[in-house]
Amino acid sequence: MSEISAEQVAHLANLARIALTEEEIEHLTKELGQIMQAVEQVNQVATPDVPPTSHPIPMQNVFRDDVVGNTLTAEEALAGAPESDGSRFVVSAILGEEQ
C-alpha cells in the first residue's frame, strides 16, 4: 500500500469542503499515513479462512419473552404526578411552544 501524499490530503479536504492550513495538511498526512499502515498490518494478518466478526465471542439473544403482566390504570399512573389534566401528564414545553 502506498503512502498518502500531502496533495491527496489537500484534495480530500477540498472534496469535503474543509479548509486546511499547510500545517494541518502536513499533520493529517502523517496521521493518515499511520492509519494506512495500521490497516495494512491488519490486512496482512487477515486470512480468507477467518470469517469477519463484530464480536470476539458469539452473541445470543438476551431478550426475555414478552409476557403480559399487571399494568397500572390511568388513574394509578397519574396519582403521583405533580400535575395532570385528568388523563395525561402535564409537562412544561421544552421548545418554547405552547399548545
PDB file of N, CA and C in Angstrom:
ATOM      1  N   MET A   1       0.853  -1.171   0.000  1.00  0.00           N
ATOM      2  CA  MET A   1       0.000   0.000   0.000  1.00  0.00           C
ATOM      3  C   MET A   1       0.898   1.232   0.000  1.00  0.00           C
ATOM      4  N   SER A   2       0.619   2.165  -0.874  1.00  0.00           N
ATOM      5  CA  SER A   2       1.439   3.366  -0.946  1.00  0.00           C
ATOM      6  C   SER A   2       1.009   4.359   0.125  1.00  0.00           C
ATOM      7  N   GLU A   3       1.951   5.220   0.469  1.00  0.00           N
ATOM      8  CA  GLU A   3       1.648   6.231   1.473  1.00  0.00           C
ATOM      9  C   GLU A   3       0.803   7.335   0.859  1.00  0.00           C
ATOM     10  N   ILE A   4       0.117   8.051   1.693  1.00  0.00           N
ATOM     11  CA  ILE A   4      -0.722   9.144   1.232  1.00  0.00           C
ATOM     12  C   ILE A   4       0.134  10.414   1.138  1.00  0.00           C
ATOM     13  N   SER A   5      -0.113  11.206   0.121  1.00  0.00           N
ATOM     14  CA  SER A   5       0.676  12.429  -0.089  1.00  0.00           C
ATOM     15  C   SER A   5      -0.085  13.642   0.424  1.00  0.00           C
ATOM     16  N   ALA A   6       0.626  14.723   0.609  1.00  0.00           N
ATOM     17  CA  ALA A   6       0.011  15.974   1.043  1.00  0.00           C
ATOM     18  C   ALA A   6      -0.991  16.453   0.000  1.00  0.00           C
ATOM     19  N   GLU A   7      -0.689  16.199  -1.276  1.00  0.00           N
ATOM     20  CA  GLU A   7      -1.611  16.604  -2.337  1.00  0.00           C
ATOM     21  C   GLU A   7      -2.928  15.833  -2.232  1.00  0.00           C
ATOM     22  N   GLN A   8      -2.837  14.547  -1.891  1.00  0.00           N
ATOM     23  CA  GLN A   8      -4.049  13.745  -1.737  1.00  0.00           C
ATOM     24  C   GLN A   8      -4.875  14.232  -0.540  1.00  0.00           C
ATOM     25  N   VAL A   9      -4.196  14.589   0.540  1.00  0.00           N
ATOM     26  CA  VAL A   9      -4.898  15.108   1.720  1.00  0.00           C
ATOM     27  C   VAL A   9      -5.596  16.418   1.371  1.00  0.00           C
ATOM     28  N   ALA A  10      -4.894  17.296   0.669  1.00  0.00           N
ATOM     29  CA  ALA A  10      -5.479  18.572   0.262  1.00  0.00           C
ATOM     30  C   ALA A  10      -6.678  18.335  -0.661  1.00  0.00           C
ATOM     31  N   HIS A  11      -6.557  17.368  -1.560  1.00  0.00           N
ATOM     32  CA  HIS A  11      -7.652  17.051  -2.479  1.00  0.00           C
ATOM     33  C   HIS A  11      -8.867  16.518  -1.706  1.00  0.00           C
ATOM     34  N   LEU A  12      -8.631  15.613  -0.766  1.00  0.00           N
ATOM     35  CA  LEU A  12      -9.728  15.081   0.048  1.00  0.00           C
ATOM     36  C   LEU A  12     -10.392  16.180   0.868  1.00  0.00           C
ATOM     37  N   ALA A  13      -9.582  17.083   1.418  1.00  0.00           N
ATOM     38  CA  ALA A  13     -10.135  18.196   2.190  1.00  0.00           C
ATOM     39  C   ALA A  13     -10.987  19.087   1.290  1.00  0.00           C
ATOM     40  N   ASN A  14     -10.524  19.307   0.073  1.00  0.00           N
ATOM     41  CA  ASN A  14     -11.283  20.126  -0.872  1.00  0.00           C
ATOM     42  C   ASN A  14     -12.608  19.444  -1.215  1.00  0.00           C
ATOM     43  N   LEU A  15     -12.595  18.145  -1.447  1.00  0.00           N
ATOM     44  CA  LEU A  15     -13.833  17.408  -1.733  1.00  0.00           C
ATOM     45  C   LEU A  15     -14.814  17.496  -0.570  1.00  0.00           C
ATOM     46  N   ALA A  16     -14.274  17.473   0.637  1.00  0.00           N
ATOM     47  CA  ALA A  16     -15.113  17.544   1.834  1.00  0.00           C
ATOM     48  C   ALA A  16     -15.431  18.988   2.223  1.00  0.00           C
ATOM     49  N   ARG A  17     -14.926  19.925   1.439  1.00  0.00           N
ATOM     50  CA  ARG A  17     -15.126  21.357   1.686  1.00  0.00           C
ATOM     51  C   ARG A  17     -14.624  21.761   3.065  1.00  0.00           C
ATOM     52  N   ILE A  18     -13.425  21.271   3.385  1.00  0.00           N
ATOM     53  CA  ILE A  18     -12.774  21.596   4.649  1.00  0.00           C
ATOM     54  C   ILE A  18     -11.535  22.429   4.330  1.00  0.00           C
ATOM     55  N   ALA A  19     -11.475  23.617   4.883  1.00  0.00           N
ATOM     56  CA  ALA A  19     -10.319  24.484   4.663  1.00  0.00           C
ATOM     57  C   ALA A  19      -9.217  24.088   5.642  1.00  0.00           C
ATOM     58  N   LEU A  20      -8.067  23.709   5.098  1.00  0.00           N
ATOM     59  CA  LEU A  20      -6.936  23.305   5.932  1.00  0.00           C
ATOM     60  C   LEU A  20      -5.736  24.203   5.651  1.00  0.00           C
ATOM     61  N   THR A  21      -4.993  24.500   6.715  1.00  0.00           N
ATOM     62  CA  THR A  21      -3.738  25.222   6.539  1.00  0.00           C
ATOM     63  C   THR A  21      -2.668  24.231   6.111  1.00  0.00           C
ATOM     64  N   GLU A  22      -1.527  24.750   5.670  1.00  0.00           N
ATOM     65  CA  GLU A  22      -0.416  23.870   5.280  1.00  0.00           C
ATOM     66  C   GLU A  22       0.041  23.014   6.460  1.00  0.00           C
ATOM     67  N   GLU A  23       0.013  23.582   7.664  1.00  0.00           N
ATOM     68  CA  GLU A  23       0.422  22.824   8.861  1.00  0.00           C
ATOM     69  C   GLU A  23      -0.569  21.690   9.134  1.00  0.00           C
ATOM     70  N   GLU A  24      -1.868  21.967   8.966  1.00  0.00           N
ATOM     71  CA  GLU A  24      -2.875  20.931   9.180  1.00  0.00           C
ATOM     72  C   GLU A  24      -2.747  19.822   8.138  1.00  0.00           C
ATOM     73  N   ILE A  25      -2.461  20.202   6.900  1.00  0.00           N
ATOM     74  CA  ILE A  25      -2.277  19.200   5.843  1.00  0.00           C
ATOM     75  C   ILE A  25      -1.082  18.318   6.168  1.00  0.00           C
ATOM     76  N   GLU A  26       0.000  18.931   6.611  1.00  0.00           N
ATOM     77  CA  GLU A  26       1.205  18.160   6.960  1.00  0.00           C
ATOM     78  C   GLU A  26       0.901  17.210   8.116  1.00  0.00           C
ATOM     79  N   HIS A  27       0.206  17.715   9.142  1.00  0.00           N
ATOM     80  CA  HIS A  27      -0.135  16.896  10.307  1.00  0.00           C
ATOM     81  C   HIS A  27      -1.049  15.738   9.909  1.00  0.00           C
ATOM     82  N   LEU A  28      -2.085  16.025   9.122  1.00  0.00           N
ATOM     83  CA  LEU A  28      -3.019  14.981   8.708  1.00  0.00           C
ATOM     84  C   LEU A  28      -2.372  13.969   7.767  1.00  0.00           C
ATOM     85  N   THR A  29      -1.423  14.419   6.956  1.00  0.00           N
ATOM     86  CA  THR A  29      -0.713  13.493   6.073  1.00  0.00           C
ATOM     87  C   THR A  29       0.010  12.437   6.900  1.00  0.00           C
ATOM     88  N   LYS A  30       0.661  12.871   7.975  1.00  0.00           N
ATOM     89  CA  LYS A  30       1.366  11.916   8.857  1.00  0.00           C
ATOM     90  C   LYS A  30       0.364  10.977   9.537  1.00  0.00           C
ATOM     91  N   GLU A  31      -0.720  11.556  10.080  1.00  0.00           N
ATOM     92  CA  GLU A  31      -1.702  10.730  10.792  1.00  0.00           C
ATOM     93  C   GLU A  31      -2.380   9.729   9.862  1.00  0.00           C
ATOM     94  N   LEU A  32      -2.795  10.180   8.681  1.00  0.00           N
ATOM     95  CA  LEU A  32      -3.446   9.260   7.741  1.00  0.00           C
ATOM     96  C   LEU A  32      -2.475   8.187   7.261  1.00  0.00           C
ATOM     97  N   GLY A  33      -1.201   8.540   7.124  1.00  0.00           N
ATOM     98  CA  GLY A  33      -0.188   7.547   6.770  1.00  0.00           C
ATOM     99  C   GLY A  33      -0.081   6.464   7.830  1.00  0.00           C
ATOM    100  N   GLN A  34      -0.122   6.872   9.104  1.00  0.00           N
ATOM    101  CA  GLN A  34      -0.073   5.895  10.197  1.00  0.00           C
ATOM    102  C   GLN A  34      -1.315   5.011  10.199  1.00  0.00           C
ATOM    103  N   ILE A  35      -2.466   5.606   9.918  1.00  0.00           N
ATOM    104  CA  ILE A  35      -3.699   4.817   9.855  1.00  0.00           C
ATOM    105  C   ILE A  35      -3.617   3.803   8.723  1.00  0.00           C
ATOM    106  N   MET A  36      -3.117   4.232   7.582  1.00  0.00           N
ATOM    107  CA  MET A  36      -2.996   3.314   6.444  1.00  0.00           C
ATOM    108  C   MET A  36      -2.018   2.188   6.745  1.00  0.00           C
ATOM    109  N   GLN A  37      -0.942   2.476   7.469  1.00  0.00           N
ATOM    110  CA  GLN A  37      -0.001   1.426   7.869  1.00  0.00           C
ATOM    111  C   GLN A  37      -0.675   0.424   8.802  1.00  0.00           C
ATOM    112  N   ALA A  38      -1.492   0.912   9.729  1.00  0.00           N
ATOM    113  CA  ALA A  38      -2.185   0.020  10.657  1.00  0.00           C
ATOM    114  C   ALA A  38      -3.175  -0.869   9.901  1.00  0.00           C
ATOM    115  N   VAL A  39      -3.875  -0.300   8.938  1.00  0.00           N
ATOM    116  CA  VAL A  39      -4.813  -1.093   8.132  1.00  0.00           C
ATOM    117  C   VAL A  39      -4.049  -2.149   7.342  1.00  0.00           C
ATOM    118  N   GLU A  40      -2.908  -1.789   6.807  1.00  0.00           N
ATOM    119  CA  GLU A  40      -2.095  -2.753   6.056  1.00  0.00           C
ATOM    120  C   GLU A  40      -1.649  -3.910   6.952  1.00  0.00           C
ATOM    121  N   GLN A  41      -1.296  -3.607   8.199  1.00  0.00           N
ATOM    122  CA  GLN A  41      -0.901  -4.674   9.130  1.00  0.00           C
ATOM    123  C   GLN A  41      -2.073  -5.616   9.390  1.00  0.00           C
ATOM    124  N   VAL A  42      -3.263  -5.071   9.546  1.00  0.00           N
ATOM    125  CA  VAL A  42      -4.439  -5.914   9.758  1.00  0.00           C
ATOM    126  C   VAL A  42      -4.694  -6.760   8.519  1.00  0.00           C
ATOM    127  N   ASN A  43      -4.550  -6.170   7.346  1.00  0.00           N
ATOM    128  CA  ASN A  43      -4.762  -6.920   6.108  1.00  0.00           C
ATOM    129  C   ASN A  43      -3.770  -8.062   5.964  1.00  0.00           C
ATOM    130  N   GLN A  44      -2.555  -7.896   6.464  1.00  0.00           N
ATOM    131  CA  GLN A  44      -1.559  -8.960   6.383  1.00  0.00           C
ATOM    132  C   GLN A  44      -1.928 -10.131   7.288  1.00  0.00           C
ATOM    133  N   VAL A  45      -2.572  -9.846   8.402  1.00  0.00           N
ATOM    134  CA  VAL A  45      -2.940 -10.893   9.356  1.00  0.00           C
ATOM    135  C   VAL A  45      -4.228 -11.588   8.933  1.00  0.00           C
ATOM    136  N   ALA A  46      -5.156 -10.834   8.372  1.00  0.00           N
ATOM    137  CA  ALA A  46      -6.448 -11.407   7.975  1.00  0.00           C
ATOM    138  C   ALA A  46      -6.238 -12.437   6.871  1.00  0.00           C
ATOM    139  N   THR A  47      -6.869 -13.582   7.060  1.00  0.00           N
ATOM    140  CA  THR A  47      -6.763 -14.644   6.070  1.00  0.00           C
ATOM    141  C   THR A  47      -8.162 -15.035   5.603  1.00  0.00           C
ATOM    142  N   PRO A  48      -8.275 -15.617   4.418  1.00  0.00           N
ATOM    143  CA  PRO A  48      -9.606 -15.987   3.900  1.00  0.00           C
ATOM    144  C   PRO A  48     -10.345 -17.008   4.760  1.00  0.00           C
ATOM    145  N   ASP A  49      -9.615 -17.830   5.520  1.00  0.00           N
ATOM    146  CA  ASP A  49     -10.290 -18.854   6.324  1.00  0.00           C
ATOM    147  C   ASP A  49     -10.775 -18.332   7.673  1.00  0.00           C
ATOM    148  N   VAL A  50     -10.528 -17.048   7.975  1.00  0.00           N
ATOM    149  CA  VAL A  50     -11.018 -16.458   9.216  1.00  0.00           C
ATOM    150  C   VAL A  50     -12.180 -15.531   8.864  1.00  0.00           C
ATOM    151  N   PRO A  51     -13.403 -15.889   9.290  1.00  0.00           N
ATOM    152  CA  PRO A  51     -14.559 -15.058   8.923  1.00  0.00           C
ATOM    153  C   PRO A  51     -14.538 -13.718   9.660  1.00  0.00           C
ATOM    154  N   PRO A  52     -15.007 -12.663   9.012  1.00  0.00           N
ATOM    155  CA  PRO A  52     -15.091 -11.372   9.694  1.00  0.00           C
ATOM    156  C   PRO A  52     -16.098 -11.448  10.838  1.00  0.00           C
ATOM    157  N   THR A  53     -15.791 -10.797  11.945  1.00  0.00           N
ATOM    158  CA  THR A  53     -16.690 -10.814  13.099  1.00  0.00           C
ATOM    159  C   THR A  53     -16.821  -9.421  13.685  1.00  0.00           C
ATOM    160  N   SER A  54     -17.920  -9.190  14.378  1.00  0.00           N
ATOM    161  CA  SER A  54     -18.096  -7.925  15.090  1.00  0.00           C
ATOM    162  C   SER A  54     -17.823  -8.095  16.573  1.00  0.00           C
ATOM    163  N   HIS A  55     -17.826  -9.360  17.047  1.00  0.00           N
ATOM    164  CA  HIS A  55     -17.577  -9.649  18.450  1.00  0.00           C
ATOM    165  C   HIS A  55     -16.642 -10.859  18.546  1.00  0.00           C
ATOM    166  N   PRO A  56     -15.769 -10.867  19.545  1.00  0.00           N
ATOM    167  CA  PRO A  56     -14.840 -11.993  19.665  1.00  0.00           C
ATOM    168  C   PRO A  56     -15.502 -13.291  20.104  1.00  0.00           C
ATOM    169  N   ILE A  57     -16.673 -13.185  20.739  1.00  0.00           N
ATOM    170  CA  ILE A  57     -17.397 -14.387  21.152  1.00  0.00           C
ATOM    171  C   ILE A  57     -18.788 -14.334  20.534  1.00  0.00           C
ATOM    172  N   PRO A  58     -19.399 -15.475  20.263  1.00  0.00           N
ATOM    173  CA  PRO A  58     -20.734 -15.476  19.663  1.00  0.00           C
ATOM    174  C   PRO A  58     -21.751 -14.790  20.579  1.00  0.00           C
ATOM    175  N   MET A  59     -22.608 -14.000  19.970  1.00  0.00           N
ATOM    176  CA  MET A  59     -23.654 -13.318  20.726  1.00  0.00           C
ATOM    177  C   MET A  59     -24.949 -14.125  20.615  1.00  0.00           C
ATOM    178  N   GLN A  60     -25.771 -14.028  21.648  1.00  0.00           N
ATOM    179  CA  GLN A  60     -27.055 -14.699  21.608  1.00  0.00           C
ATOM    180  C   GLN A  60     -28.115 -13.725  22.084  1.00  0.00           C
ATOM    181  N   ASN A  61     -29.345 -14.013  21.754  1.00  0.00           N
ATOM    182  CA  ASN A  61     -30.445 -13.155  22.133  1.00  0.00           C
ATOM    183  C   ASN A  61     -30.559 -13.117  23.650  1.00  0.00           C
ATOM    184  N   VAL A  62     -30.534 -11.926  24.226  1.00  0.00           N
ATOM    185  CA  VAL A  62     -30.621 -11.794  25.674  1.00  0.00           C
ATOM    186  C   VAL A  62     -31.957 -11.194  26.105  1.00  0.00           C
ATOM    187  N   PHE A  63     -32.907 -11.108  25.153  1.00  0.00           N
ATOM    188  CA  PHE A  63     -34.206 -10.552  25.479  1.00  0.00           C
ATOM    189  C   PHE A  63     -35.081 -11.598  26.156  1.00  0.00           C
ATOM    190  N   ARG A  64     -35.924 -11.132  27.025  1.00  0.00           N
ATOM    191  CA  ARG A  64     -36.869 -12.031  27.688  1.00  0.00           C
ATOM    192  C   ARG A  64     -38.110 -12.160  26.818  1.00  0.00           C
ATOM    193  N   ASP A  65     -38.900 -13.168  27.082  1.00  0.00           N
ATOM    194  CA  ASP A  65     -40.172 -13.336  26.386  1.00  0.00           C
ATOM    195  C   ASP A  65     -41.094 -12.175  26.740  1.00  0.00           C
ATOM    196  N   ASP A  66     -41.876 -11.740  25.787  1.00  0.00           N
ATOM    197  CA  ASP A  66     -42.833 -10.666  26.002  1.00  0.00           C
ATOM    198  C   ASP A  66     -44.085 -11.257  26.637  1.00  0.00           C
ATOM    199  N   VAL A  67     -44.245 -11.036  27.941  1.00  0.00           N
ATOM    200  CA  VAL A  67     -45.344 -11.626  28.691  1.00  0.00           C
ATOM    201  C   VAL A  67     -46.220 -10.501  29.237  1.00  0.00           C
ATOM    202  N   VAL A  68     -47.511 -10.625  29.021  1.00  0.00           N
ATOM    203  CA  VAL A  68     -48.455  -9.640  29.539  1.00  0.00           C
ATOM    204  C   VAL A  68     -48.513  -9.763  31.046  1.00  0.00           C
ATOM    205  N   GLY A  69     -48.406  -8.630  31.731  1.00  0.00           N
ATOM    206  CA  GLY A  69     -48.460  -8.645  33.190  1.00  0.00           C
ATOM    207  C   GLY A  69     -49.446  -7.619  33.698  1.00  0.00           C
ATOM    208  N   ASN A  70     -49.419  -7.379  34.982  1.00  0.00           N
ATOM    209  CA  ASN A  70     -50.290  -6.378  35.582  1.00  0.00           C
ATOM    210  C   ASN A  70     -49.791  -4.995  35.192  1.00  0.00           C
ATOM    211  N   THR A  71     -50.701  -4.134  34.789  1.00  0.00           N
ATOM    212  CA  THR A  71     -50.335  -2.768  34.411  1.00  0.00           C
ATOM    213  C   THR A  71     -51.123  -1.781  35.248  1.00  0.00           C
ATOM    214  N   LEU A  72     -50.656  -0.553  35.285  1.00  0.00           N
ATOM    215  CA  LEU A  72     -51.339   0.500  36.026  1.00  0.00           C
ATOM    216  C   LEU A  72     -52.504   1.041  35.219  1.00  0.00           C
ATOM    217  N   THR A  73     -53.552   1.414  35.920  1.00  0.00           N
ATOM    218  CA  THR A  73     -54.635   2.137  35.251  1.00  0.00           C
ATOM    219  C   THR A  73     -54.156   3.577  35.067  1.00  0.00           C
ATOM    220  N   ALA A  74     -54.878   4.341  34.251  1.00  0.00           N
ATOM    221  CA  ALA A  74     -54.505   5.745  34.039  1.00  0.00           C
ATOM    222  C   ALA A  74     -54.529   6.497  35.373  1.00  0.00           C
ATOM    223  N   GLU A  75     -55.514   6.233  36.201  1.00  0.00           N
ATOM    224  CA  GLU A  75     -55.620   6.912  37.496  1.00  0.00           C
ATOM    225  C   GLU A  75     -54.433   6.565  38.396  1.00  0.00           C
ATOM    226  N   GLU A  76     -54.019   5.301  38.409  1.00  0.00           N
ATOM    227  CA  GLU A  76     -52.883   4.885  39.238  1.00  0.00           C
ATOM    228  C   GLU A  76     -51.590   5.522  38.732  1.00  0.00           C
ATOM    229  N   ALA A  77     -51.418   5.602  37.413  1.00  0.00           N
ATOM    230  CA  ALA A  77     -50.209   6.191  36.850  1.00  0.00           C
ATOM    231  C   ALA A  77     -50.138   7.684  37.152  1.00  0.00           C
ATOM    232  N   LEU A  78     -51.280   8.367  37.122  1.00  0.00           N
ATOM    233  CA  LEU A  78     -51.310   9.813  37.339  1.00  0.00           C
ATOM    234  C   LEU A  78     -51.357  10.195  38.811  1.00  0.00           C
ATOM    235  N   ALA A  79     -51.579   9.226  39.693  1.00  0.00           N
ATOM    236  CA  ALA A  79     -51.730   9.518  41.120  1.00  0.00           C
ATOM    237  C   ALA A  79     -50.514  10.232  41.704  1.00  0.00           C
ATOM    238  N   GLY A  80     -49.312   9.897  41.280  1.00  0.00           N
ATOM    239  CA  GLY A  80     -48.116  10.515  41.844  1.00  0.00           C
ATOM    240  C   GLY A  80     -47.565  11.654  41.015  1.00  0.00           C
ATOM    241  N   ALA A  81     -48.276  12.019  39.954  1.00  0.00           N
ATOM    242  CA  ALA A  81     -47.786  13.074  39.069  1.00  0.00           C
ATOM    243  C   ALA A  81     -47.933  14.439  39.730  1.00  0.00           C
ATOM    244  N   PRO A  82     -46.950  15.314  39.564  1.00  0.00           N
ATOM    245  CA  PRO A  82     -47.070  16.654  40.128  1.00  0.00           C
ATOM    246  C   PRO A  82     -48.235  17.428  39.518  1.00  0.00           C
ATOM    247  N   GLU A  83     -48.528  17.167  38.232  1.00  0.00           N
ATOM    248  CA  GLU A  83     -49.622  17.862  37.577  1.00  0.00           C
ATOM    249  C   GLU A  83     -50.170  16.987  36.459  1.00  0.00           C
ATOM    250  N   SER A  84     -51.499  16.934  36.365  1.00  0.00           N
ATOM    251  CA  SER A  84     -52.145  16.175  35.294  1.00  0.00           C
ATOM    252  C   SER A  84     -53.437  16.885  34.925  1.00  0.00           C
ATOM    253  N   ASP A  85     -53.981  16.520  33.765  1.00  0.00           N
ATOM    254  CA  ASP A  85     -55.255  17.111  33.339  1.00  0.00           C
ATOM    255  C   ASP A  85     -56.394  16.096  33.445  1.00  0.00           C
ATOM    256  N   GLY A  86     -56.179  15.056  34.183  1.00  0.00           N
ATOM    257  CA  GLY A  86     -57.194  14.030  34.360  1.00  0.00           C
ATOM    258  C   GLY A  86     -56.893  12.756  33.597  1.00  0.00           C
ATOM    259  N   SER A  87     -56.305  12.888  32.405  1.00  0.00           N
ATOM    260  CA  SER A  87     -55.996  11.685  31.633  1.00  0.00           C
ATOM    261  C   SER A  87     -54.562  11.677  31.126  1.00  0.00           C
ATOM    262  N   ARG A  88     -53.837  12.783  31.325  1.00  0.00           N
ATOM    263  CA  ARG A  88     -52.451  12.876  30.830  1.00  0.00           C
ATOM    264  C   ARG A  88     -51.576  13.625  31.829  1.00  0.00           C
ATOM    265  N   PHE A  89     -50.262  13.379  31.738  1.00  0.00           N
ATOM    266  CA  PHE A  89     -49.299  14.163  32.491  1.00  0.00           C
ATOM    267  C   PHE A  89     -49.220  15.553  31.871  1.00  0.00           C
ATOM    268  N   VAL A  90     -49.064  16.576  32.697  1.00  0.00           N
ATOM    269  CA  VAL A  90     -48.853  17.934  32.194  1.00  0.00           C
ATOM    270  C   VAL A  90     -47.392  18.262  32.468  1.00  0.00           C
ATOM    271  N   VAL A  91     -46.679  18.627  31.400  1.00  0.00           N
ATOM    272  CA  VAL A  91     -45.257  18.959  31.500  1.00  0.00           C
ATOM    273  C   VAL A  91     -45.010  20.314  30.849  1.00  0.00           C
ATOM    274  N   SER A  92     -43.898  20.939  31.200  1.00  0.00           N
ATOM    275  CA  SER A  92     -43.534  22.215  30.612  1.00  0.00           C
ATOM    276  C   SER A  92     -43.130  22.020  29.169  1.00  0.00           C
ATOM    277  N   ALA A  93     -43.423  23.035  28.351  1.00  0.00           N
ATOM    278  CA  ALA A  93     -42.983  22.988  26.955  1.00  0.00           C
ATOM    279  C   ALA A  93     -41.460  23.105  26.925  1.00  0.00           C
ATOM    280  N   ILE A  94     -40.803  22.285  26.120  1.00  0.00           N
ATOM    281  CA  ILE A  94     -39.349  22.322  26.080  1.00  0.00           C
ATOM    282  C   ILE A  94     -38.825  23.083  24.881  1.00  0.00           C
ATOM    283  N   LEU A  95     -39.677  23.376  23.912  1.00  0.00           N
ATOM    284  CA  LEU A  95     -39.228  24.079  22.715  1.00  0.00           C
ATOM    285  C   LEU A  95     -39.737  25.499  22.670  1.00  0.00           C
ATOM    286  N   GLY A  96     -40.312  25.976  23.788  1.00  0.00           N
ATOM    287  CA  GLY A  96     -40.823  27.322  23.834  1.00  0.00           C
ATOM    288  C   GLY A  96     -42.137  27.495  23.086  1.00  0.00           C
ATOM    289  N   GLU A  97     -42.789  26.404  22.786  1.00  0.00           N
ATOM    290  CA  GLU A  97     -44.054  26.448  22.059  1.00  0.00           C
ATOM    291  C   GLU A  97     -45.170  25.988  22.980  1.00  0.00           C
ATOM    292  N   GLU A  98     -46.153  26.825  23.149  1.00  0.00           N
ATOM    293  CA  GLU A  98     -47.321  26.431  23.945  1.00  0.00           C
ATOM    294  C   GLU A  98     -48.377  25.903  23.006  1.00  0.00           C
ATOM    295  N   GLN A  99     -49.026  24.844  23.377  1.00  0.00           N
ATOM    296  CA  GLN A  99     -50.092  24.280  22.523  1.00  0.00           C
ATOM    297  C   GLN A  99     -51.412  24.381  23.220  1.00  0.00           C
TER     298      GLN A  99
END
